[in-house]
Amino acid sequence: MKTRIKINQAELEELLLLPGINLMEAQRIVNQRERIGGFTTRDEFMDFLPALGVQPHDYIAIQDLAEIEPLISENARVIDF
């Protein structure tokens, strides 16, 4: 079983494990993630990949490895019912 990469939490080194992603592309993923406050869905992340020039065969492999975990805002409140 392949290890999934948590895209919203991954450091540069982890993003480099994605097929076809080099250091510059990994940094662009981090920059985009910070700019938008994190990717909300795998589709949103996958839609960003063509801007990086990701090749179709890498795109399919990345789709299998990418995990988008729920985002929790620093300002989020927990409400007990």
Protein backbone atom coordinates (compact mmCIF):
# COMPACT_ATOMS: atom_id res chain seq x y z
CA MET A 1 0.00 0.00 0.00
CA LYS A 2 1.35 3.41 -0.95
CA THR A 3 1.64 6.10 1.68
CA ARG A 4 -0.80 8.91 1.07
CA ILE A 5 0.44 12.50 1.26
CA LYS A 6 -1.61 14.92 3.34
CA ILE A 7 -1.42 17.87 0.97
CA ASN A 8 -2.52 20.55 3.46
CA GLN A 9 0.05 19.47 6.05
CA ALA A 10 2.93 18.16 3.95
CA GLU A 11 6.37 19.75 4.13
CA LEU A 12 8.32 20.31 0.93
CA GLU A 13 10.18 17.03 1.37
CA GLU A 14 6.90 15.10 1.50
CA LEU A 15 5.50 16.86 -1.56
CA LEU A 16 8.63 15.81 -3.45
CA LEU A 17 7.45 12.21 -3.04
CA LEU A 18 4.60 12.95 -5.47
CA PRO A 19 5.41 11.75 -8.99
CA GLY A 20 6.64 14.49 -11.31
CA ILE A 21 6.89 17.12 -8.56
CA ASN A 22 10.24 18.88 -8.21
CA LEU A 23 11.35 21.41 -5.60
CA MET A 24 10.02 24.43 -7.49
CA GLU A 25 6.61 22.80 -8.03
CA ALA A 26 6.45 21.68 -4.39
CA GLN A 27 7.09 25.26 -3.31
CA ARG A 28 4.32 26.47 -5.62
CA ILE A 29 1.93 23.97 -4.00
CA VAL A 30 2.87 25.32 -0.55
CA ASN A 31 2.49 28.93 -1.74
CA GLN A 32 -0.96 28.21 -3.22
CA ARG A 33 -2.01 26.30 -0.11
CA GLU A 34 -1.02 29.24 2.09
CA ARG A 35 -2.62 31.77 -0.25
CA ILE A 36 -6.02 30.06 -0.24
CA GLY A 37 -5.93 28.74 3.31
CA GLY A 38 -5.54 25.13 2.20
CA PHE A 39 -7.16 22.96 -0.44
CA THR A 40 -10.71 21.98 0.50
CA THR A 41 -11.09 18.99 -1.82
CA ARG A 42 -8.88 16.64 -3.80
CA ASP A 43 -10.50 18.00 -6.97
CA GLU A 44 -9.45 21.54 -6.05
CA PHE A 45 -5.86 20.34 -5.61
CA MET A 46 -5.96 18.28 -8.81
CA ASP A 47 -7.32 21.29 -10.73
CA PHE A 48 -4.22 23.24 -9.63
CA LEU A 49 -1.75 20.66 -11.00
CA PRO A 50 -1.99 21.60 -14.70
CA ALA A 51 -0.67 25.07 -13.76
CA LEU A 52 2.47 23.26 -12.58
CA GLY A 53 2.86 21.43 -15.88
CA VAL A 54 2.17 18.00 -14.37
CA GLN A 55 2.11 15.33 -17.07
CA PRO A 56 -1.01 13.12 -17.50
CA HIS A 57 0.68 9.93 -16.29
CA ASP A 58 1.90 11.73 -13.15
CA TYR A 59 -1.52 13.30 -12.66
CA ILE A 60 -3.13 9.86 -12.32
CA ALA A 61 -0.48 8.66 -9.85
CA ILE A 62 -0.78 11.85 -7.79
CA GLN A 63 -4.54 11.45 -7.61
CA ASP A 64 -4.03 8.09 -5.89
CA LEU A 65 -1.54 9.53 -3.37
CA ALA A 66 -3.08 12.91 -2.54
CA GLU A 67 -5.14 13.17 0.62
CA ILE A 68 -7.02 16.31 1.54
CA GLU A 69 -7.86 16.31 5.22
CA PRO A 70 -10.55 18.55 6.67
CA LEU A 71 -9.33 22.03 7.45
CA ILE A 72 -9.72 23.35 10.95
CA SER A 73 -9.41 27.06 11.35
CA GLU A 74 -7.34 28.43 14.23
CA ASN A 75 -10.45 30.43 15.11
CA ALA A 76 -12.79 27.43 15.01
CA ARG A 77 -14.89 26.74 18.07
CA VAL A 78 -15.99 23.36 19.30
CA ILE A 79 -19.64 23.27 20.27
CA ASP A 80 -20.89 20.45 22.47
CA PHE A 81 -24.50 19.39 22.12
